[in-house]
Amino acid sequence: MTRRTQVRRRARSRAARVGLAALVLGGSLSACLGQDDTRATSGDPTVESSAPESTEATPTPSSATPTPTPTVTPTSASPTPTPSPTRTVTPSPALTTRLLPAGSMAGLNAQWRWRDGETLTAEPTTGGIADCVRFSLAAIGAREAVSRSYAPPASAADAPASAFEIVARFPDEQTAMRVMDVLRSWRSSCQRRLDNVSDKPHRVSEAETITAGDDAFAYLHSTPGSTKDTTQFEDVAQVRRGALVALVVVRLDEQDYNYPAKRSPAARSLAPAAARLG
């Protein structure tokens, strides 16, 4: 065997011994490490866990955030108002003094003298005012109104005749002027309206301008009466002075109602009525 071969064998033998020693040493080290790991996980109280304990404290009721007290915000809706009682305007005594006394009302003839009937602090309601007067004067703006009825003379107490006057005060003269226009428009449409709503024939005359007060006019409405031989006549006249308006109505259930133009009892009553208005 050559010297080179011997050297090579001795080198291999030395390397083998070194590898074996390393293997033994590594196994021992692994065994030691295995024992240490076992102790760390075996629950030995002498070994502190490497996991940090939680330091977050559970809040107590005293440290909890207080619940804020709710703020009451008033609603924007306005409270429902309590309805005020309807105020009834009692006409002043001065207005009732503007009504015509019975002696100043024009009679049906030279011998006819009306008698005072009932004086009211309101407009008449029984039977309405007149067929062509569609609404009360209060309904079209009067602030207050009074009325007086008139009865036939004692000598003709059973006569089918009646009369009344209304005096109404309006807020101002302009309103009273517009009311006179409304009364005229009601007369203009009366014939057509009554023909549409009534099964009886009606006749409404043209308006006659009367010289009295600041503005005045009159007209006659007629329709079949209580018997086949009579006619129900409704003599209507109105006058304005300032903010006051007077309306006169004379009714008669008879065979005829013949008077010259502008000389019917209601028309002739406008001059004294205007004088009473002031």
C-alpha atoms as a PDB file:
ATOM      1  CA  MET A   1       0.000   0.000   0.000  1.00  0.00           C
ATOM      2  CA  THR A   2       1.379   3.260  -0.937  1.00  0.00           C
ATOM      3  CA  ARG A   3       1.854   6.123   1.459  1.00  0.00           C
ATOM      4  CA  ARG A   4      -0.694   8.320  -0.384  1.00  0.00           C
ATOM      5  CA  THR A   5      -3.404   5.702   0.093  1.00  0.00           C
ATOM      6  CA  GLN A   6      -2.727   5.468   3.817  1.00  0.00           C
ATOM      7  CA  VAL A   7      -2.990   9.191   4.274  1.00  0.00           C
ATOM      8  CA  ARG A   8      -6.357   9.253   2.459  1.00  0.00           C
ATOM      9  CA  ARG A   9      -7.778   6.472   4.685  1.00  0.00           C
ATOM     10  CA  ARG A  10      -6.637   8.193   7.889  1.00  0.00           C
ATOM     11  CA  ALA A  11      -8.338  11.419   6.755  1.00  0.00           C
ATOM     12  CA  ARG A  12     -11.623   9.618   6.102  1.00  0.00           C
ATOM     13  CA  SER A  13     -11.470   7.897   9.469  1.00  0.00           C
ATOM     14  CA  ARG A  14     -10.911  11.242  11.255  1.00  0.00           C
ATOM     15  CA  ALA A  15     -13.813  12.846   9.435  1.00  0.00           C
ATOM     16  CA  ALA A  16     -16.079   9.991  10.423  1.00  0.00           C
ATOM     17  CA  ARG A  17     -15.167  10.373  14.087  1.00  0.00           C
ATOM     18  CA  VAL A  18     -15.770  14.109  13.973  1.00  0.00           C
ATOM     19  CA  GLY A  19     -19.224  13.558  12.362  1.00  0.00           C
ATOM     20  CA  LEU A  20     -20.131  10.963  14.984  1.00  0.00           C
ATOM     21  CA  ALA A  21     -19.171  13.320  17.816  1.00  0.00           C
ATOM     22  CA  ALA A  22     -21.197  16.095  16.296  1.00  0.00           C
ATOM     23  CA  LEU A  23     -24.195  13.775  15.977  1.00  0.00           C
ATOM     24  CA  VAL A  24     -23.965  12.738  19.626  1.00  0.00           C
ATOM     25  CA  LEU A  25     -23.511  16.305  20.815  1.00  0.00           C
ATOM     26  CA  GLY A  26     -26.462  17.529  18.699  1.00  0.00           C
ATOM     27  CA  GLY A  27     -28.696  14.806  20.088  1.00  0.00           C
ATOM     28  CA  SER A  28     -27.786  15.723  23.650  1.00  0.00           C
ATOM     29  CA  LEU A  29     -28.470  19.418  22.962  1.00  0.00           C
ATOM     30  CA  SER A  30     -31.826  18.564  21.438  1.00  0.00           C
ATOM     31  CA  ALA A  31     -32.738  16.514  24.444  1.00  0.00           C
ATOM     32  CA  CYS A  32     -31.856  19.367  26.796  1.00  0.00           C
ATOM     33  CA  LEU A  33     -33.907  21.866  24.801  1.00  0.00           C
ATOM     34  CA  GLY A  34     -36.850  19.430  24.765  1.00  0.00           C
ATOM     35  CA  GLN A  35     -36.745  19.248  28.570  1.00  0.00           C
ATOM     36  CA  ASP A  36     -36.765  23.085  28.881  1.00  0.00           C
ATOM     37  CA  ASP A  37     -39.781  23.417  26.532  1.00  0.00           C
ATOM     38  CA  THR A  38     -41.623  20.788  28.532  1.00  0.00           C
ATOM     39  CA  ARG A  39     -41.163  22.769  31.747  1.00  0.00           C
ATOM     40  CA  ALA A  40     -42.307  26.032  30.113  1.00  0.00           C
ATOM     41  CA  THR A  41     -45.612  24.524  28.986  1.00  0.00           C
ATOM     42  CA  SER A  42     -46.239  22.201  31.918  1.00  0.00           C
ATOM     43  CA  GLY A  43     -47.914  24.946  34.034  1.00  0.00           C
ATOM     44  CA  ASP A  44     -45.052  25.189  36.566  1.00  0.00           C
ATOM     45  CA  PRO A  45     -45.962  28.266  38.760  1.00  0.00           C
ATOM     46  CA  THR A  46     -42.313  29.267  38.866  1.00  0.00           C
ATOM     47  CA  VAL A  47     -42.359  29.958  35.150  1.00  0.00           C
ATOM     48  CA  GLU A  48     -43.827  33.323  34.058  1.00  0.00           C
ATOM     49  CA  SER A  49     -45.820  33.349  30.878  1.00  0.00           C
ATOM     50  CA  SER A  50     -44.299  35.402  28.131  1.00  0.00           C
ATOM     51  CA  ALA A  51     -47.787  36.660  27.099  1.00  0.00           C
ATOM     52  CA  PRO A  52     -48.451  40.106  28.662  1.00  0.00           C
ATOM     53  CA  GLU A  53     -51.434  40.378  30.955  1.00  0.00           C
ATOM     54  CA  SER A  54     -54.302  42.644  29.804  1.00  0.00           C
ATOM     55  CA  THR A  55     -54.035  46.009  31.533  1.00  0.00           C
ATOM     56  CA  GLU A  56     -57.391  47.382  30.203  1.00  0.00           C
ATOM     57  CA  ALA A  57     -59.671  47.943  33.160  1.00  0.00           C
ATOM     58  CA  THR A  58     -63.349  47.117  32.975  1.00  0.00           C
ATOM     59  CA  PRO A  59     -65.231  50.404  33.394  1.00  0.00           C
ATOM     60  CA  THR A  60     -67.226  50.710  36.559  1.00  0.00           C
ATOM     61  CA  PRO A  61     -70.633  52.365  36.671  1.00  0.00           C
ATOM     62  CA  SER A  62     -69.068  55.478  38.182  1.00  0.00           C
ATOM     63  CA  SER A  63     -66.563  55.810  35.379  1.00  0.00           C
ATOM     64  CA  ALA A  64     -69.082  55.140  32.564  1.00  0.00           C
ATOM     65  CA  THR A  65     -69.958  58.053  30.341  1.00  0.00           C
ATOM     66  CA  PRO A  66     -73.181  59.635  31.737  1.00  0.00           C
ATOM     67  CA  THR A  67     -76.263  59.529  29.542  1.00  0.00           C
ATOM     68  CA  PRO A  68     -77.005  63.097  28.464  1.00  0.00           C
ATOM     69  CA  THR A  69     -80.346  64.524  29.574  1.00  0.00           C
ATOM     70  CA  PRO A  70     -82.517  65.092  26.478  1.00  0.00           C
ATOM     71  CA  THR A  71     -83.250  68.713  25.707  1.00  0.00           C
ATOM     72  CA  VAL A  72     -86.933  69.418  25.078  1.00  0.00           C
ATOM     73  CA  THR A  73     -87.265  71.502  21.931  1.00  0.00           C
ATOM     74  CA  PRO A  74     -90.582  73.312  21.535  1.00  0.00           C
ATOM     75  CA  THR A  75     -92.473  72.268  18.454  1.00  0.00           C
ATOM     76  CA  SER A  76     -92.893  74.788  15.684  1.00  0.00           C
ATOM     77  CA  ALA A  77     -96.590  74.120  15.360  1.00  0.00           C
ATOM     78  CA  SER A  78     -98.715  76.850  16.851  1.00  0.00           C
ATOM     79  CA  PRO A  79    -101.202  75.781  19.501  1.00  0.00           C
ATOM     80  CA  THR A  80    -104.792  75.487  18.374  1.00  0.00           C
ATOM     81  CA  PRO A  81    -106.423  78.766  19.340  1.00  0.00           C
ATOM     82  CA  THR A  82    -109.521  78.645  21.432  1.00  0.00           C
ATOM     83  CA  PRO A  83    -112.366  79.971  19.288  1.00  0.00           C
ATOM     84  CA  SER A  84    -113.664  83.281  20.488  1.00  0.00           C
ATOM     85  CA  PRO A  85    -117.360  83.490  21.148  1.00  0.00           C
ATOM     86  CA  THR A  86    -119.348  85.176  18.424  1.00  0.00           C
ATOM     87  CA  ARG A  87    -119.831  88.807  19.315  1.00  0.00           C
ATOM     88  CA  THR A  88    -123.296  90.173  18.780  1.00  0.00           C
ATOM     89  CA  VAL A  89    -123.343  93.854  18.007  1.00  0.00           C
ATOM     90  CA  THR A  90    -126.211  95.568  19.770  1.00  0.00           C
ATOM     91  CA  PRO A  91    -127.278  98.544  17.680  1.00  0.00           C
ATOM     92  CA  SER A  92    -126.989 101.858  19.422  1.00  0.00           C
ATOM     93  CA  PRO A  93    -130.214 103.607  20.380  1.00  0.00           C
ATOM     94  CA  ALA A  94    -129.255 106.332  17.919  1.00  0.00           C
ATOM     95  CA  LEU A  95    -129.763 103.892  15.010  1.00  0.00           C
ATOM     96  CA  THR A  96    -133.293 102.998  16.034  1.00  0.00           C
ATOM     97  CA  THR A  97    -134.133 106.713  16.015  1.00  0.00           C
ATOM     98  CA  ARG A  98    -133.333 106.695  12.276  1.00  0.00           C
ATOM     99  CA  LEU A  99    -136.357 104.480  11.601  1.00  0.00           C
ATOM    100  CA  LEU A 100    -139.479 106.130  10.201  1.00  0.00           C
ATOM    101  CA  PRO A 101    -142.374 106.615  12.612  1.00  0.00           C
ATOM    102  CA  ALA A 102    -145.656 105.235  11.299  1.00  0.00           C
ATOM    103  CA  GLY A 103    -146.958 108.723  10.542  1.00  0.00           C
ATOM    104  CA  SER A 104    -144.091 109.331   8.067  1.00  0.00           C
ATOM    105  CA  MET A 105    -144.702 106.184   6.017  1.00  0.00           C
ATOM    106  CA  ALA A 106    -146.612 106.904   2.804  1.00  0.00           C
ATOM    107  CA  GLY A 107    -150.056 105.289   2.851  1.00  0.00           C
ATOM    108  CA  LEU A 108    -151.826 103.291   0.167  1.00  0.00           C
ATOM    109  CA  ASN A 109    -154.168 106.233  -0.344  1.00  0.00           C
ATOM    110  CA  ALA A 110    -154.892 109.628   1.155  1.00  0.00           C
ATOM    111  CA  GLN A 111    -156.881 108.132   4.025  1.00  0.00           C
ATOM    112  CA  TRP A 112    -154.443 105.328   4.862  1.00  0.00           C
ATOM    113  CA  ARG A 113    -152.462 105.739   8.086  1.00  0.00           C
ATOM    114  CA  TRP A 114    -150.021 103.044   9.077  1.00  0.00           C
ATOM    115  CA  ARG A 115    -149.691 101.997  12.705  1.00  0.00           C
ATOM    116  CA  ASP A 116    -146.388 101.239  14.413  1.00  0.00           C
ATOM    117  CA  GLY A 117    -145.677  97.557  14.670  1.00  0.00           C
ATOM    118  CA  GLU A 118    -142.579  95.928  16.197  1.00  0.00           C
ATOM    119  CA  THR A 119    -139.160  97.586  16.400  1.00  0.00           C
ATOM    120  CA  LEU A 120    -136.246  95.130  16.283  1.00  0.00           C
ATOM    121  CA  THR A 121    -132.485  95.465  16.682  1.00  0.00           C
ATOM    122  CA  ALA A 122    -132.110  93.137  13.698  1.00  0.00           C
ATOM    123  CA  GLU A 123    -133.454  92.594  10.213  1.00  0.00           C
ATOM    124  CA  PRO A 124    -136.803  90.831   9.711  1.00  0.00           C
ATOM    125  CA  THR A 125    -136.440  87.107   9.109  1.00  0.00           C
ATOM    126  CA  THR A 126    -140.008  85.854   8.629  1.00  0.00           C
ATOM    127  CA  GLY A 127    -140.562  85.656   4.899  1.00  0.00           C
ATOM    128  CA  GLY A 128    -137.223  87.276   4.160  1.00  0.00           C
ATOM    129  CA  ILE A 129    -136.812  90.889   3.090  1.00  0.00           C
ATOM    130  CA  ALA A 130    -138.103  90.679  -0.484  1.00  0.00           C
ATOM    131  CA  ASP A 131    -138.040  88.127  -3.279  1.00  0.00           C
ATOM    132  CA  CYS A 132    -135.432  90.104  -5.214  1.00  0.00           C
ATOM    133  CA  VAL A 133    -133.246  90.809  -2.144  1.00  0.00           C
ATOM    134  CA  ARG A 134    -131.184  87.656  -2.035  1.00  0.00           C
ATOM    135  CA  PHE A 135    -129.378  88.085   1.298  1.00  0.00           C
ATOM    136  CA  SER A 136    -129.610  90.147   4.438  1.00  0.00           C
ATOM    137  CA  LEU A 137    -127.815  93.491   4.616  1.00  0.00           C
ATOM    138  CA  ALA A 138    -125.681  92.078   7.431  1.00  0.00           C
ATOM    139  CA  ALA A 139    -124.498  89.348   5.054  1.00  0.00           C
ATOM    140  CA  ILE A 140    -123.196  91.951   2.597  1.00  0.00           C
ATOM    141  CA  GLY A 141    -121.337  94.116   5.067  1.00  0.00           C
ATOM    142  CA  ALA A 142    -123.675  95.947   7.444  1.00  0.00           C
ATOM    143  CA  ARG A 143    -122.104  96.454  10.857  1.00  0.00           C
ATOM    144  CA  GLU A 144    -125.515  96.826  12.498  1.00  0.00           C
ATOM    145  CA  ALA A 145    -129.122  96.944  11.409  1.00  0.00           C
ATOM    146  CA  VAL A 146    -132.526  97.733  12.902  1.00  0.00           C
ATOM    147  CA  SER A 147    -136.040  97.324  11.565  1.00  0.00           C
ATOM    148  CA  ARG A 148    -139.622  98.398  12.199  1.00  0.00           C
ATOM    149  CA  SER A 149    -142.843  96.854  10.957  1.00  0.00           C
ATOM    150  CA  TYR A 150    -146.059  98.737  10.200  1.00  0.00           C
ATOM    151  CA  ALA A 151    -149.647  97.500  10.441  1.00  0.00           C
ATOM    152  CA  PRO A 152    -152.777  98.638   8.556  1.00  0.00           C
ATOM    153  CA  PRO A 153    -154.965 101.299  10.206  1.00  0.00           C
ATOM    154  CA  ALA A 154    -157.489 100.128  12.742  1.00  0.00           C
ATOM    155  CA  SER A 155    -160.296 100.837  10.288  1.00  0.00           C
ATOM    156  CA  ALA A 156    -158.770  98.311   7.873  1.00  0.00           C
ATOM    157  CA  ALA A 157    -157.118  95.950  10.323  1.00  0.00           C
ATOM    158  CA  ASP A 158    -157.982  92.915   8.190  1.00  0.00           C
ATOM    159  CA  ALA A 159    -156.560  94.387   4.990  1.00  0.00           C
ATOM    160  CA  PRO A 160    -153.978  92.099   3.308  1.00  0.00           C
ATOM    161  CA  ALA A 161    -151.276  94.758   3.584  1.00  0.00           C
ATOM    162  CA  SER A 162    -148.022  95.112   5.544  1.00  0.00           C
ATOM    163  CA  ALA A 163    -144.868  97.188   5.475  1.00  0.00           C
ATOM    164  CA  PHE A 164    -141.458  97.474   7.143  1.00  0.00           C
ATOM    165  CA  GLU A 165    -138.264  99.500   6.991  1.00  0.00           C
ATOM    166  CA  ILE A 166    -134.663  98.447   7.599  1.00  0.00           C
ATOM    167  CA  VAL A 167    -131.891 100.891   8.455  1.00  0.00           C
ATOM    168  CA  ALA A 168    -128.329  99.543   8.227  1.00  0.00           C
ATOM    169  CA  ARG A 169    -125.001 101.130   9.066  1.00  0.00           C
ATOM    170  CA  PHE A 170    -121.954 100.153   6.993  1.00  0.00           C
ATOM    171  CA  PRO A 171    -118.274 100.624   7.869  1.00  0.00           C
ATOM    172  CA  ASP A 172    -117.877 103.589   5.520  1.00  0.00           C
ATOM    173  CA  GLU A 173    -119.506 105.406   2.650  1.00  0.00           C
ATOM    174  CA  GLN A 174    -117.617 103.461  -0.020  1.00  0.00           C
ATOM    175  CA  THR A 175    -118.994 100.177   1.330  1.00  0.00           C
ATOM    176  CA  ALA A 176    -122.519 101.587   1.389  1.00  0.00           C
ATOM    177  CA  MET A 177    -122.132 102.700  -2.240  1.00  0.00           C
ATOM    178  CA  ARG A 178    -121.088  99.188  -3.267  1.00  0.00           C
ATOM    179  CA  VAL A 179    -124.082  97.756  -1.413  1.00  0.00           C
ATOM    180  CA  MET A 180    -126.416  99.932  -3.473  1.00  0.00           C
ATOM    181  CA  ASP A 181    -124.761  98.505  -6.601  1.00  0.00           C
ATOM    182  CA  VAL A 182    -125.355  94.983  -5.279  1.00  0.00           C
ATOM    183  CA  LEU A 183    -129.039  95.738  -4.634  1.00  0.00           C
ATOM    184  CA  ARG A 184    -129.369  97.021  -8.206  1.00  0.00           C
ATOM    185  CA  SER A 185    -127.716  93.886  -9.614  1.00  0.00           C
ATOM    186  CA  TRP A 186    -130.090  91.661  -7.664  1.00  0.00           C
ATOM    187  CA  ARG A 187    -133.057  93.498  -9.190  1.00  0.00           C
ATOM    188  CA  SER A 188    -131.558  93.158 -12.688  1.00  0.00           C
ATOM    189  CA  SER A 189    -131.213  89.365 -12.374  1.00  0.00           C
ATOM    190  CA  CYS A 190    -134.382  88.820 -10.345  1.00  0.00           C
ATOM    191  CA  GLN A 191    -136.802  88.165 -13.215  1.00  0.00           C
ATOM    192  CA  ARG A 192    -134.593  85.472 -14.772  1.00  0.00           C
ATOM    193  CA  ARG A 193    -133.739  83.862 -11.427  1.00  0.00           C
ATOM    194  CA  LEU A 194    -137.352  83.657 -10.256  1.00  0.00           C
ATOM    195  CA  ASP A 195    -138.469  82.243 -13.611  1.00  0.00           C
ATOM    196  CA  ASN A 196    -135.903  79.463 -13.177  1.00  0.00           C
ATOM    197  CA  VAL A 197    -136.782  78.524  -9.612  1.00  0.00           C
ATOM    198  CA  SER A 198    -140.546  79.153  -9.429  1.00  0.00           C
ATOM    199  CA  ASP A 199    -143.492  77.537 -11.147  1.00  0.00           C
ATOM    200  CA  LYS A 200    -145.486  80.767 -10.798  1.00  0.00           C
ATOM    201  CA  PRO A 201    -145.165  83.724 -13.159  1.00  0.00           C
ATOM    202  CA  HIS A 202    -143.270  86.757 -11.913  1.00  0.00           C
ATOM    203  CA  ARG A 203    -142.908  90.290 -13.128  1.00  0.00           C
ATOM    204  CA  VAL A 204    -140.151  92.647 -12.039  1.00  0.00           C
ATOM    205  CA  SER A 205    -140.359  96.263 -13.206  1.00  0.00           C
ATOM    206  CA  GLU A 206    -137.481  98.458 -14.269  1.00  0.00           C
ATOM    207  CA  ALA A 207    -135.720 100.422 -11.533  1.00  0.00           C
ATOM    208  CA  GLU A 208    -136.887 104.006 -11.100  1.00  0.00           C
ATOM    209  CA  THR A 209    -134.377 106.568  -9.878  1.00  0.00           C
ATOM    210  CA  ILE A 210    -135.817 108.504  -6.951  1.00  0.00           C
ATOM    211  CA  THR A 211    -134.684 111.940  -5.867  1.00  0.00           C
ATOM    212  CA  ALA A 212    -133.747 111.308  -2.246  1.00  0.00           C
ATOM    213  CA  GLY A 213    -130.567 111.148  -0.202  1.00  0.00           C
ATOM    214  CA  ASP A 214    -127.285 110.480  -2.032  1.00  0.00           C
ATOM    215  CA  ASP A 215    -128.664 107.592  -4.101  1.00  0.00           C
ATOM    216  CA  ALA A 216    -132.129 106.016  -4.329  1.00  0.00           C
ATOM    217  CA  PHE A 217    -134.208 103.759  -6.567  1.00  0.00           C
ATOM    218  CA  ALA A 218    -137.427 101.722  -6.453  1.00  0.00           C
ATOM    219  CA  TYR A 219    -139.099  98.862  -8.344  1.00  0.00           C
ATOM    220  CA  LEU A 220    -142.192  96.649  -8.168  1.00  0.00           C
ATOM    221  CA  HIS A 221    -142.312  92.852  -8.110  1.00  0.00           C
ATOM    222  CA  SER A 222    -145.608  91.009  -8.619  1.00  0.00           C
ATOM    223  CA  THR A 223    -146.719  87.385  -8.637  1.00  0.00           C
ATOM    224  CA  PRO A 224    -150.092  85.561  -8.350  1.00  0.00           C
ATOM    225  CA  GLY A 225    -151.807  86.262  -5.018  1.00  0.00           C
ATOM    226  CA  SER A 226    -153.668  84.221  -2.468  1.00  0.00           C
ATOM    227  CA  THR A 227    -156.717  83.850  -4.719  1.00  0.00           C
ATOM    228  CA  LYS A 228    -157.209  83.610  -8.461  1.00  0.00           C
ATOM    229  CA  ASP A 229    -158.460  87.221  -8.499  1.00  0.00           C
ATOM    230  CA  THR A 230    -155.587  88.841  -6.611  1.00  0.00           C
ATOM    231  CA  THR A 231    -151.929  89.619  -7.158  1.00  0.00           C
ATOM    232  CA  GLN A 232    -149.193  89.764  -4.521  1.00  0.00           C
ATOM    233  CA  PHE A 233    -147.443  93.126  -4.980  1.00  0.00           C
ATOM    234  CA  GLU A 234    -144.034  93.797  -3.449  1.00  0.00           C
ATOM    235  CA  ASP A 235    -143.095  97.486  -3.595  1.00  0.00           C
ATOM    236  CA  VAL A 236    -139.360  97.818  -2.871  1.00  0.00           C
ATOM    237  CA  ALA A 237    -137.367 101.044  -2.454  1.00  0.00           C
ATOM    238  CA  GLN A 238    -133.903 101.828  -1.075  1.00  0.00           C
ATOM    239  CA  VAL A 239    -131.983 105.004  -0.291  1.00  0.00           C
ATOM    240  CA  ARG A 240    -128.424 105.754   0.871  1.00  0.00           C
ATOM    241  CA  ARG A 241    -127.078 108.706   2.786  1.00  0.00           C
ATOM    242  CA  GLY A 242    -123.408 108.499   3.685  1.00  0.00           C
ATOM    243  CA  ALA A 243    -122.703 105.108   5.262  1.00  0.00           C
ATOM    244  CA  LEU A 244    -126.375 104.461   6.076  1.00  0.00           C
ATOM    245  CA  VAL A 245    -128.842 102.584   3.863  1.00  0.00           C
ATOM    246  CA  ALA A 246    -132.626 102.422   4.377  1.00  0.00           C
ATOM    247  CA  LEU A 247    -134.788  99.818   2.635  1.00  0.00           C
ATOM    248  CA  VAL A 248    -138.597 100.097   2.559  1.00  0.00           C
ATOM    249  CA  VAL A 249    -140.947  97.271   1.523  1.00  0.00           C
ATOM    250  CA  VAL A 250    -144.728  97.515   1.162  1.00  0.00           C
ATOM    251  CA  ARG A 251    -146.757  94.358   0.433  1.00  0.00           C
ATOM    252  CA  LEU A 252    -150.359  94.162  -0.735  1.00  0.00           C
ATOM    253  CA  ASP A 253    -152.412  91.168  -1.833  1.00  0.00           C
ATOM    254  CA  GLU A 254    -155.083  92.833  -3.981  1.00  0.00           C
ATOM    255  CA  GLN A 255    -156.445  93.167  -7.507  1.00  0.00           C
ATOM    256  CA  ASP A 256    -154.351  96.157  -8.502  1.00  0.00           C
ATOM    257  CA  TYR A 257    -151.549  98.450  -7.417  1.00  0.00           C
ATOM    258  CA  ASN A 258    -151.796 101.444  -9.730  1.00  0.00           C
ATOM    259  CA  TYR A 259    -149.579 104.452  -9.009  1.00  0.00           C
ATOM    260  CA  PRO A 260    -147.885 107.017 -11.234  1.00  0.00           C
ATOM    261  CA  ALA A 261    -144.187 106.520 -11.968  1.00  0.00           C
ATOM    262  CA  LYS A 262    -141.999 107.097  -8.918  1.00  0.00           C
ATOM    263  CA  ARG A 263    -145.122 107.618  -6.759  1.00  0.00           C
ATOM    264  CA  SER A 264    -145.681 104.207  -5.213  1.00  0.00           C
ATOM    265  CA  PRO A 265    -145.996 104.149  -1.381  1.00  0.00           C
ATOM    266  CA  ALA A 266    -142.452 102.752  -0.962  1.00  0.00           C
ATOM    267  CA  ALA A 267    -140.967 105.263  -3.414  1.00  0.00           C
ATOM    268  CA  ARG A 268    -142.737 108.186  -1.688  1.00  0.00           C
ATOM    269  CA  SER A 269    -141.384 106.995   1.680  1.00  0.00           C
ATOM    270  CA  LEU A 270    -137.744 107.447   0.579  1.00  0.00           C
ATOM    271  CA  ALA A 271    -137.642 111.223   0.972  1.00  0.00           C
ATOM    272  CA  PRO A 272    -138.659 111.176   4.646  1.00  0.00           C
ATOM    273  CA  ALA A 273    -136.464 108.084   5.179  1.00  0.00           C
ATOM    274  CA  ALA A 274    -133.432 109.934   3.800  1.00  0.00           C
ATOM    275  CA  ALA A 275    -134.190 112.887   6.046  1.00  0.00           C
ATOM    276  CA  ARG A 276    -134.130 110.534   9.069  1.00  0.00           C
ATOM    277  CA  LEU A 277    -130.731 109.174   8.046  1.00  0.00           C
ATOM    278  CA  GLY A 278    -129.253 112.635   8.614  1.00  0.00           C
END
